[in-house]
């Protein structure tokens, strides 16, 4: 089977669709879906920069399903979103422009080098603040939120995997969001960073649109089911899902090295 110069068997495509569903499910709950999505795309035979661009396209559309559910259930802090989204867009675009300057072989080494960092940071323990009012000062709204989102957005454009998890950690520890609200607001910030990076990858021609269609559909379905589960089952599911994402990542990394 061929998708814009990419040959792939039906079995490989089916496995990739399943990976995209799982990535969407996990990402909508605890972030870290890219830790599954990016290695899967590379294992499927995509060049590193194309894998990054493809991942951004899939995640950008997939995240919309999770955002819809979180908005519907009133888990979004709109004042924080207003100051954070522009920062995420700019940070991710800058990060993506920088990664595009590297040769594909160098990008592969960077990705493999940064993945263990993502694994380690995602294991940081979290505390629950469910139902505690979220009160943000002006300093947090106009400096703290933009700084955090720009920094993590830059990372998202430059590399990507684990971005959702890092956003949840930052919102939880720095701004004291409860885990479900942190997950919900992280989706909008992650959407902005995905979109900012996607612009750079589209301009550079690093996206395979034919291959994207089934993968986007699978990711949207995963995001929809995952976000509804997070709302229903709360912080414990967020923590358990994050652990699961790390285990799956380790399996994919072992396969990559073998």
Protein backbone atom coordinates (compact mmCIF):
# COMPACT_ATOMS: atom_id res chain seq x y z
CA UNK A 1 0.00 0.00 0.00
CA UNK A 2 1.32 3.46 -0.80
CA UNK A 3 0.51 6.79 0.80
CA UNK A 4 2.47 9.59 -0.83
CA UNK A 5 5.66 7.55 -1.39
CA UNK A 6 5.24 5.58 1.85
CA UNK A 7 4.78 1.82 1.37
CA UNK A 8 2.93 0.08 4.19
CA UNK A 9 1.20 -3.29 4.59
CA UNK A 10 -2.36 -3.54 5.87
CA UNK A 11 -1.05 -5.15 9.07
CA UNK A 12 1.33 -2.25 9.68
CA UNK A 13 -1.41 0.27 8.97
CA UNK A 14 -3.79 -1.53 11.35
CA UNK A 15 -1.15 -1.50 14.10
CA UNK A 16 -0.56 2.21 13.52
CA UNK A 17 -4.30 2.94 13.71
CA UNK A 18 -4.48 1.08 17.02
CA UNK A 19 -1.46 3.04 18.30
CA UNK A 20 -3.16 6.31 17.34
CA UNK A 21 -6.32 5.29 19.21
CA UNK A 22 -4.32 4.39 22.32
CA UNK A 23 -2.30 7.60 22.04
CA UNK A 24 -5.50 9.66 21.86
CA UNK A 25 -7.06 7.80 24.79
CA UNK A 26 -3.99 8.21 27.00
CA UNK A 27 -3.26 11.78 25.92
CA UNK A 28 -6.80 12.94 26.71
CA UNK A 29 -6.51 11.64 30.27
CA UNK A 30 -2.93 12.17 31.41
CA UNK A 31 -0.95 13.52 28.48
CA UNK A 32 1.95 11.59 27.02
CA UNK A 33 0.15 10.23 23.97
CA UNK A 34 3.04 11.43 21.83
CA UNK A 35 5.27 9.01 23.73
CA UNK A 36 3.35 6.27 21.92
CA UNK A 37 2.53 8.10 18.70
CA UNK A 38 6.00 9.30 17.70
CA UNK A 39 7.85 5.98 18.17
CA UNK A 40 4.99 4.22 16.35
CA UNK A 41 5.27 6.53 13.35
CA UNK A 42 9.05 6.07 13.22
CA UNK A 43 8.71 2.29 13.54
CA UNK A 44 6.23 2.41 10.63
CA UNK A 45 9.00 3.79 8.45
CA UNK A 46 8.41 7.55 8.42
CA UNK A 47 11.52 9.78 8.35
CA UNK A 48 11.98 11.54 11.73
CA UNK A 49 10.91 15.01 10.61
CA UNK A 50 7.89 13.60 8.75
CA UNK A 51 6.99 11.57 11.85
CA UNK A 52 7.07 14.77 13.91
CA UNK A 53 4.91 16.61 11.38
CA UNK A 54 2.48 13.69 11.06
CA UNK A 55 2.20 13.46 14.83
CA UNK A 56 1.34 17.15 15.07
CA UNK A 57 -1.40 16.82 12.43
CA UNK A 58 -2.94 13.79 14.15
CA UNK A 59 -2.74 15.31 17.64
CA UNK A 60 -4.10 18.71 16.60
CA UNK A 61 -7.34 17.26 15.25
CA UNK A 62 -7.58 14.46 17.80
CA UNK A 63 -7.34 16.83 20.77
CA UNK A 64 -10.49 18.66 19.63
CA UNK A 65 -12.66 15.73 20.76
CA UNK A 66 -11.22 15.86 24.29
CA UNK A 67 -11.52 19.65 24.42
CA UNK A 68 -15.21 19.44 23.49
CA UNK A 69 -15.95 17.07 26.37
CA UNK A 70 -13.98 19.11 28.93
CA UNK A 71 -15.63 22.37 27.82
CA UNK A 72 -19.06 20.74 28.03
CA UNK A 73 -18.31 19.69 31.63
CA UNK A 74 -17.01 23.15 32.61
CA UNK A 75 -13.43 22.11 33.39
CA UNK A 76 -11.76 24.97 31.49
CA UNK A 77 -10.29 28.10 33.19
CA UNK A 78 -10.84 30.58 30.37
CA UNK A 79 -8.75 33.43 31.82
CA UNK A 80 -5.69 31.16 31.87
CA UNK A 81 -6.49 29.90 28.37
CA UNK A 82 -6.62 33.47 27.01
CA UNK A 83 -3.06 34.26 28.11
CA UNK A 84 -1.59 30.79 27.54
CA UNK A 85 -2.71 29.95 24.00
CA UNK A 86 -0.79 32.74 22.22
CA UNK A 87 2.34 31.74 24.15
CA UNK A 88 1.87 28.11 23.16
CA UNK A 89 1.44 28.97 19.49
CA UNK A 90 4.59 31.08 19.35
CA UNK A 91 6.71 28.73 21.45
CA UNK A 92 5.82 25.66 19.37
CA UNK A 93 6.34 27.44 16.05
CA UNK A 94 9.82 28.56 17.13
CA UNK A 95 10.68 25.07 18.37
CA UNK A 96 9.50 23.45 15.13
CA UNK A 97 11.46 25.90 12.98
CA UNK A 98 14.62 25.05 14.91
CA UNK A 99 14.19 21.25 14.66
CA UNK A 100 13.70 21.59 10.88
CA UNK A 101 17.25 22.96 10.62
CA UNK A 102 18.72 19.58 11.64
CA UNK A 103 19.45 16.60 9.39
CA UNK A 104 17.08 13.57 9.80
CA UNK A 105 19.85 11.44 11.36
CA UNK A 106 20.49 14.13 13.96
CA UNK A 107 16.76 14.41 14.71
CA UNK A 108 16.63 10.66 15.37
CA UNK A 109 19.47 10.93 17.88
CA UNK A 110 17.80 13.92 19.57
CA UNK A 111 14.50 12.05 19.85
CA UNK A 112 16.11 8.93 21.35
CA UNK A 113 18.13 11.11 23.71
CA UNK A 114 15.15 13.08 25.00
CA UNK A 115 12.71 10.19 25.43
CA UNK A 116 14.27 8.97 28.72
CA UNK A 117 13.93 12.53 30.09
CA UNK A 118 10.24 12.45 29.25
CA UNK A 119 9.84 9.11 30.99
CA UNK A 120 11.61 10.28 34.17
CA UNK A 121 9.69 13.55 34.50
CA UNK A 122 6.34 11.91 33.87
CA UNK A 123 6.87 9.66 36.91
CA UNK A 124 6.92 12.63 39.30
CA UNK A 125 4.19 11.94 41.92
CA UNK A 126 1.09 14.14 41.98
CA UNK A 127 -1.30 15.15 44.75
CA UNK A 128 -5.03 15.58 44.39
CA UNK A 129 -6.77 18.93 44.93
CA UNK A 130 -10.17 17.90 43.60
CA UNK A 131 -12.95 20.44 44.23
CA UNK A 132 -10.49 23.02 45.62
CA UNK A 133 -11.23 26.47 44.09
CA UNK A 134 -8.66 27.51 41.47
CA UNK A 135 -7.69 31.13 42.17
CA UNK A 136 -5.08 32.71 39.90
CA UNK A 137 -3.34 35.99 40.71
CA UNK A 138 -2.60 38.58 38.02
CA UNK A 139 1.07 37.58 38.14
CA UNK A 140 0.11 33.97 37.48
CA UNK A 141 -2.28 34.90 34.67
CA UNK A 142 -0.05 37.35 32.83
CA UNK A 143 3.40 35.95 33.58
CA UNK A 144 3.26 32.46 35.09
CA UNK A 145 0.85 30.88 32.61
CA UNK A 146 2.43 32.39 29.43
CA UNK A 147 5.95 31.51 30.60
CA UNK A 148 5.07 27.90 31.38
CA UNK A 149 3.08 27.40 28.17
CA UNK A 150 5.70 29.08 25.95
CA UNK A 151 8.48 26.92 27.42
CA UNK A 152 6.58 23.66 27.10
CA UNK A 153 5.23 24.78 23.72
CA UNK A 154 8.80 25.25 22.50
CA UNK A 155 9.57 21.71 23.66
CA UNK A 156 6.44 20.49 21.86
CA UNK A 157 7.51 22.02 18.56
CA UNK A 158 11.11 20.88 18.92
CA UNK A 159 10.38 17.34 20.12
CA UNK A 160 6.82 16.75 21.39
CA UNK A 161 6.33 13.46 23.29
CA UNK A 162 5.27 14.02 26.90
CA UNK A 163 4.10 17.60 26.31
CA UNK A 164 0.63 16.93 27.70
CA UNK A 165 2.09 15.29 30.79
CA UNK A 166 4.47 18.20 31.38
CA UNK A 167 1.61 20.68 31.02
CA UNK A 168 -0.45 18.74 33.56
CA UNK A 169 2.52 18.64 35.96
CA UNK A 170 3.11 22.39 35.57
CA UNK A 171 -0.55 23.32 36.05
CA UNK A 172 -0.83 20.96 39.01
CA UNK A 173 2.36 21.87 40.88
CA UNK A 174 2.89 25.52 39.91
CA UNK A 175 -0.68 26.80 39.56
CA UNK A 176 -2.31 24.25 41.91
CA UNK A 177 -4.95 22.93 39.51
CA UNK A 178 -6.61 19.66 40.52
CA UNK A 179 -5.63 16.77 38.27
CA UNK A 180 -8.81 16.66 36.15
CA UNK A 181 -8.82 20.44 35.63
CA UNK A 182 -5.09 20.35 34.86
CA UNK A 183 -5.73 17.64 32.27
CA UNK A 184 -8.61 19.62 30.75
CA UNK A 185 -6.77 22.93 30.45
CA UNK A 186 -3.60 21.21 29.28
CA UNK A 187 -5.55 19.99 26.24
CA UNK A 188 -6.24 23.54 25.05
CA UNK A 189 -2.65 24.60 25.62
CA UNK A 190 -1.44 21.45 23.89
CA UNK A 191 -3.80 22.17 20.99
CA UNK A 192 -2.25 25.62 20.55
CA UNK A 193 1.30 24.24 20.61
CA UNK A 194 0.34 21.44 18.21
CA UNK A 195 -1.20 23.96 15.82
CA UNK A 196 1.79 26.30 16.00
CA UNK A 197 4.23 23.48 15.24
CA UNK A 198 1.95 22.03 12.55
CA UNK A 199 2.11 25.28 10.57
CA UNK A 200 5.89 24.99 10.36
CA UNK A 201 5.79 21.31 9.33
CA UNK A 202 3.09 21.94 6.69
CA UNK A 203 5.09 24.79 5.18
CA UNK A 204 8.15 22.51 5.09
CA UNK A 205 6.15 19.73 3.36
CA UNK A 206 6.62 17.23 6.22
CA UNK A 207 3.03 15.90 6.34
CA UNK A 208 1.50 12.88 4.55
CA UNK A 209 -2.17 13.80 4.14
CA UNK A 210 -3.35 10.49 2.69
CA UNK A 211 -1.97 8.50 5.60
CA UNK A 212 -3.35 11.03 8.09
CA UNK A 213 -7.05 10.37 7.43
CA UNK A 214 -7.47 6.97 9.18
CA UNK A 215 -4.98 7.92 11.90
CA UNK A 216 -6.79 11.17 12.73
CA UNK A 217 -10.13 9.34 12.97
CA UNK A 218 -8.63 6.77 15.36
CA UNK A 219 -7.03 9.49 17.47
CA UNK A 220 -10.27 11.49 17.68
CA UNK A 221 -12.14 8.39 18.88
CA UNK A 222 -9.46 7.71 21.49
CA UNK A 223 -9.58 11.32 22.73
CA UNK A 224 -13.36 11.24 22.96
CA UNK A 225 -13.52 8.04 25.00
CA UNK A 226 -10.52 8.98 27.15
CA UNK A 227 -11.74 12.45 28.11
CA UNK A 228 -15.17 11.14 29.07
CA UNK A 229 -13.46 8.50 31.23
CA UNK A 230 -11.29 11.14 32.95
CA UNK A 231 -14.35 13.21 33.81
CA UNK A 232 -16.21 10.15 35.12
CA UNK A 233 -13.45 8.44 37.11
CA UNK A 234 -11.29 11.40 38.17
CA UNK A 235 -7.68 11.75 39.44
CA UNK A 236 -6.99 8.05 40.09
CA UNK A 237 -7.57 7.24 36.44
CA UNK A 238 -5.24 10.10 35.44
CA UNK A 239 -2.42 8.70 37.56
CA UNK A 240 -2.92 5.08 36.47
CA UNK A 241 -3.12 6.04 32.79
CA UNK A 242 0.11 8.00 33.00
CA UNK A 243 1.87 4.94 34.41
CA UNK A 244 0.43 2.81 31.59
CA UNK A 245 1.71 5.25 28.97
CA UNK A 246 5.21 4.96 30.39
CA UNK A 247 5.10 1.14 30.31
CA UNK A 248 3.94 1.15 26.68
CA UNK A 249 6.69 3.59 25.80
CA UNK A 250 9.35 1.37 27.32
CA UNK A 251 8.07 -1.58 25.26
CA UNK A 252 8.27 0.46 22.06
CA UNK A 253 11.78 1.68 22.93
CA UNK A 254 13.04 -1.84 23.58
CA UNK A 255 11.63 -2.88 20.20
CA UNK A 256 13.28 0.14 18.58
CA UNK A 257 16.72 -0.74 19.94
CA UNK A 258 16.38 -4.44 19.08
